[in-house]
Protein backbone atom coordinates (compact mmCIF):
# COMPACT_ATOMS: atom_id res chain seq x y z
CA UNK A 1 23.38 -32.31 2.64
CA UNK A 2 23.76 -30.71 -0.79
CA UNK A 3 27.26 -30.76 -2.25
CA UNK A 4 28.41 -27.71 -4.17
CA UNK A 5 31.43 -28.72 -6.20
CA UNK A 6 32.74 -25.45 -7.60
CA UNK A 7 35.67 -25.76 -10.01
CA UNK A 8 37.49 -22.43 -10.08
CA UNK A 9 40.14 -23.51 -12.57
CA UNK A 10 40.92 -21.24 -15.49
CA UNK A 11 39.09 -22.32 -18.67
CA UNK A 12 41.47 -23.54 -21.39
CA UNK A 13 39.25 -24.65 -24.28
CA UNK A 14 40.63 -26.11 -27.49
CA UNK A 15 40.53 -24.20 -30.78
CA UNK A 16 38.11 -26.57 -32.51
CA UNK A 17 35.91 -26.84 -29.44
CA UNK A 18 35.76 -23.07 -29.08
CA UNK A 19 35.05 -22.58 -32.79
CA UNK A 20 32.22 -25.11 -32.79
CA UNK A 21 30.74 -23.73 -29.59
CA UNK A 22 30.87 -20.08 -30.65
CA UNK A 23 29.33 -20.77 -34.07
CA UNK A 24 26.54 -22.84 -32.51
CA UNK A 25 25.73 -20.01 -30.12
CA UNK A 26 23.79 -18.26 -32.89
CA UNK A 27 21.09 -20.93 -33.38
CA UNK A 28 21.11 -21.83 -29.68
CA UNK A 29 20.75 -18.16 -28.72
CA UNK A 30 17.91 -17.58 -31.18
CA UNK A 31 16.04 -20.69 -30.03
CA UNK A 32 16.51 -19.97 -26.32
CA UNK A 33 15.61 -16.29 -26.58
CA UNK A 34 12.52 -16.94 -28.72
CA UNK A 35 11.18 -19.76 -26.55
CA UNK A 36 11.74 -17.86 -23.31
CA UNK A 37 10.21 -14.59 -24.52
CA UNK A 38 7.17 -16.33 -26.03
CA UNK A 39 6.48 -18.45 -22.94
CA UNK A 40 6.90 -15.56 -20.51
CA UNK A 41 4.79 -13.20 -22.65
CA UNK A 42 1.96 -15.68 -23.07
CA UNK A 43 2.14 -16.82 -19.46
CA UNK A 44 2.15 -13.35 -17.91
CA UNK A 45 -0.47 -12.04 -20.34
CA UNK A 46 -2.93 -14.83 -19.60
CA UNK A 47 -2.11 -15.41 -15.92
CA UNK A 48 -5.12 -13.34 -14.87
CA UNK A 49 -7.45 -16.06 -16.18
CA UNK A 50 -5.23 -18.85 -14.80
CA UNK A 51 -4.49 -20.15 -18.28
CA UNK A 52 -1.03 -18.65 -18.14
CA UNK A 53 0.05 -20.47 -14.97
CA UNK A 54 0.84 -23.76 -16.74
CA UNK A 55 2.69 -21.77 -19.40
CA UNK A 56 4.76 -20.01 -16.74
CA UNK A 57 5.43 -23.36 -15.08
CA UNK A 58 6.63 -24.68 -18.42
CA UNK A 59 8.92 -21.66 -18.78
CA UNK A 60 10.45 -22.25 -15.33
CA UNK A 61 11.05 -25.95 -15.93
CA UNK A 62 12.20 -25.34 -19.49
CA UNK A 63 14.80 -22.76 -18.58
CA UNK A 64 16.26 -24.98 -15.84
CA UNK A 65 16.43 -27.98 -18.19
CA UNK A 66 17.97 -25.83 -20.92
CA UNK A 67 20.55 -24.53 -18.45
CA UNK A 68 21.52 -28.10 -17.53
CA UNK A 69 21.99 -28.88 -21.22
CA UNK A 70 24.04 -25.71 -21.65
CA UNK A 71 26.29 -26.60 -18.72
CA UNK A 72 26.88 -29.98 -20.36
CA UNK A 73 27.63 -28.27 -23.70
CA UNK A 74 30.13 -25.93 -22.04
CA UNK A 75 31.84 -28.89 -20.40
CA UNK A 76 31.94 -30.97 -23.60
CA UNK A 77 33.11 -28.24 -25.98
CA UNK A 78 34.91 -25.71 -23.77
CA UNK A 79 36.28 -28.21 -21.22
CA UNK A 80 34.90 -26.09 -18.38
CA UNK A 81 32.97 -27.61 -15.50
CA UNK A 82 30.02 -25.62 -14.13
CA UNK A 83 28.48 -26.87 -10.89
CA UNK A 84 24.73 -27.03 -10.44
CA UNK A 85 23.59 -23.89 -8.59
CA UNK A 86 20.10 -24.99 -7.51
CA UNK A 87 18.94 -25.17 -3.94
CA UNK A 88 17.48 -28.52 -2.84
CA UNK A 89 13.73 -28.71 -3.34
CA UNK A 90 11.62 -29.09 -0.19
CA UNK A 91 8.98 -31.75 0.29
CA UNK A 92 6.27 -29.13 -0.08
CA UNK A 93 6.13 -25.96 -2.12
CA UNK A 94 8.48 -27.16 -4.83
CA UNK A 95 7.12 -24.79 -7.45
CA UNK A 96 7.52 -21.85 -5.11
CA UNK A 97 11.10 -22.95 -4.40
CA UNK A 98 11.90 -23.13 -8.12
CA UNK A 99 10.45 -19.69 -8.79
CA UNK A 100 12.10 -18.07 -5.77
CA UNK A 101 15.48 -19.65 -6.51
CA UNK A 102 17.80 -16.92 -7.82
CA UNK A 103 19.56 -19.52 -9.97
CA UNK A 104 16.40 -19.91 -12.08
CA UNK A 105 16.41 -16.23 -13.00
CA UNK A 106 20.13 -16.25 -13.65
CA UNK A 107 19.51 -19.10 -16.10
CA UNK A 108 16.85 -16.98 -17.82
CA UNK A 109 19.22 -14.01 -17.95
CA UNK A 110 21.86 -16.17 -19.59
CA UNK A 111 19.57 -17.20 -22.45
CA UNK A 112 18.32 -13.66 -22.94
CA UNK A 113 21.90 -12.42 -23.26
CA UNK A 114 23.01 -15.39 -25.37
CA UNK A 115 20.98 -14.08 -28.32
CA UNK A 116 22.90 -10.82 -28.93
CA UNK A 117 26.15 -12.37 -27.71
CA UNK A 118 25.71 -15.33 -30.05
CA UNK A 119 25.20 -13.02 -33.02
CA UNK A 120 28.41 -11.12 -32.23
CA UNK A 121 30.43 -14.31 -31.67
CA UNK A 122 29.12 -15.89 -34.87
CA UNK A 123 29.95 -12.82 -36.95
CA UNK A 124 33.46 -12.51 -35.51
CA UNK A 125 34.26 -16.20 -35.97
CA UNK A 126 32.88 -16.52 -39.49
CA UNK A 127 34.54 -13.29 -40.62
CA UNK A 128 37.92 -14.12 -39.08
CA UNK A 129 38.11 -17.70 -40.32
CA UNK A 130 36.73 -17.14 -43.82
CA UNK A 131 38.93 -14.10 -44.40
CA UNK A 132 42.14 -15.69 -43.16
CA UNK A 133 41.61 -19.04 -44.88
CA UNK A 134 40.32 -17.40 -48.04
CA UNK A 135 43.41 -15.24 -48.41
CA UNK A 136 45.74 -18.04 -47.37
CA UNK A 137 44.40 -20.38 -50.06
CA UNK A 138 44.08 -17.70 -52.77
CA UNK A 139 47.15 -18.87 -54.76
CA UNK A 140 45.52 -22.27 -55.22
CA UNK A 141 41.91 -21.48 -56.10
CA UNK A 142 42.00 -18.17 -57.99
CA UNK A 143 42.35 -20.04 -61.33
CA UNK A 144 39.05 -21.85 -60.73
CA UNK A 145 37.11 -18.57 -60.42
CA UNK A 146 35.35 -16.91 -63.39
CA UNK A 147 37.95 -15.47 -65.80
CA UNK A 148 40.61 -17.32 -63.76
CA UNK A 149 41.04 -14.30 -61.49
CA UNK A 150 40.07 -12.94 -58.10
CA UNK A 151 38.74 -9.41 -58.20
CA UNK A 152 38.59 -7.02 -55.28
CA UNK A 153 35.67 -4.63 -55.37
CA UNK A 154 33.05 -4.52 -58.10
CA UNK A 155 33.43 -7.46 -60.46
CA UNK A 156 33.07 -5.37 -63.63
CA UNK A 157 35.15 -2.48 -62.33
CA UNK A 158 37.59 -3.98 -59.81
CA UNK A 159 40.23 -1.91 -58.14
CA UNK A 160 42.55 -4.90 -57.99
CA UNK A 161 42.77 -8.13 -60.01
CA UNK A 162 44.75 -11.20 -58.94
CA UNK A 163 45.28 -13.57 -61.88
CA UNK A 164 48.62 -15.22 -61.20
CA UNK A 165 50.28 -17.30 -58.51
CA UNK A 166 52.91 -14.63 -57.83
CA UNK A 167 50.32 -11.87 -57.45
CA UNK A 168 48.38 -14.01 -54.98
CA UNK A 169 51.37 -14.70 -52.73
CA UNK A 170 51.28 -11.36 -50.82
CA UNK A 171 47.61 -11.95 -50.02
CA UNK A 172 48.48 -15.46 -48.84
CA UNK A 173 51.03 -13.96 -46.47
CA UNK A 174 48.39 -11.60 -45.11
CA UNK A 175 46.09 -14.58 -44.73
CA UNK A 176 48.79 -16.45 -42.82
CA UNK A 177 49.19 -13.56 -40.39
CA UNK A 178 45.42 -13.31 -39.92
CA UNK A 179 45.22 -17.06 -39.40
CA UNK A 180 47.94 -16.86 -36.74
CA UNK A 181 45.84 -14.23 -34.97
CA UNK A 182 42.52 -16.02 -35.50
CA UNK A 183 43.61 -19.20 -33.70
CA UNK A 184 44.38 -17.55 -30.33
CA UNK A 185 41.41 -15.20 -30.77
CA UNK A 186 39.13 -18.23 -31.01
CA UNK A 187 40.54 -19.75 -27.83
CA UNK A 188 40.31 -16.43 -25.98
CA UNK A 189 36.69 -15.93 -27.00
CA UNK A 190 35.89 -19.49 -25.96
CA UNK A 191 37.53 -18.92 -22.57
CA UNK A 192 35.71 -15.62 -22.05
CA UNK A 193 32.37 -17.22 -22.83
CA UNK A 194 33.17 -20.11 -20.49
CA UNK A 195 33.71 -17.61 -17.67
CA UNK A 196 30.51 -15.80 -18.61
CA UNK A 197 28.57 -19.08 -18.53
CA UNK A 198 30.12 -20.03 -15.19
CA UNK A 199 29.07 -16.70 -13.65
CA UNK A 200 25.42 -16.99 -14.68
CA UNK A 201 24.86 -20.76 -14.81
CA UNK A 202 26.97 -21.77 -11.82
CA UNK A 203 26.62 -21.15 -8.10
CA UNK A 204 27.27 -17.59 -7.01
CA UNK A 205 30.48 -16.90 -5.06
CA UNK A 206 28.42 -16.02 -1.98
CA UNK A 207 26.70 -19.41 -2.07
CA UNK A 208 30.00 -21.23 -2.50
CA UNK A 209 31.59 -19.33 0.41
CA UNK A 210 28.60 -20.02 2.62
CA UNK A 211 28.76 -23.71 1.80
CA UNK A 212 32.51 -23.87 2.44
CA UNK A 213 32.07 -22.15 5.81
CA UNK A 214 29.39 -24.68 6.82
CA UNK A 215 31.66 -27.54 5.80
CA UNK A 216 34.56 -26.10 7.82
CA UNK A 217 32.36 -25.70 10.88
CA UNK A 218 31.08 -29.27 10.53
CA UNK A 219 34.62 -30.61 10.25
């Protein structure tokens, strides 16, 4: 019997774990999207001469292995458990079972969507953290900049120049407010992505309900 251990608890990732995960989604998304698109394109394009079949097989195995790694990454960095969604492989026709398993194609969908999603998450995180921390620390580092000043706008024709500790304080207060908003934003985005990963990389609700009903009947 195959055990489906579905953890439906609400994801509560840490700030640092969420930040690290969301920033890493950019390179992971690019790598996963590129590898999947290349393997599927080459495999489908050359399948007519049988050369593409091993390539397609590599794509199927690769996406399932990558999904296992991603589930482990979600658990390690977002503290969210995602159960394995795969059906048990039969003694014969294992390749057919892998290809026909809906979970395989949900894994592929996840990595296709991770590319644009990873770009958006990376941009939001880098912008939010650099802006808030940059403004918050402005009273301490402005004197180390060229001309001992921080200039907003064009350097030669700035619309605002900060060249004293007192002038930098209002911007530090703005940075403090942005930082106070950035911390919960990071956790929220990490939790949202954990739910997204659980939907695509975990067992579907229908599969979980079916398994629970079989267990109840057996008991």
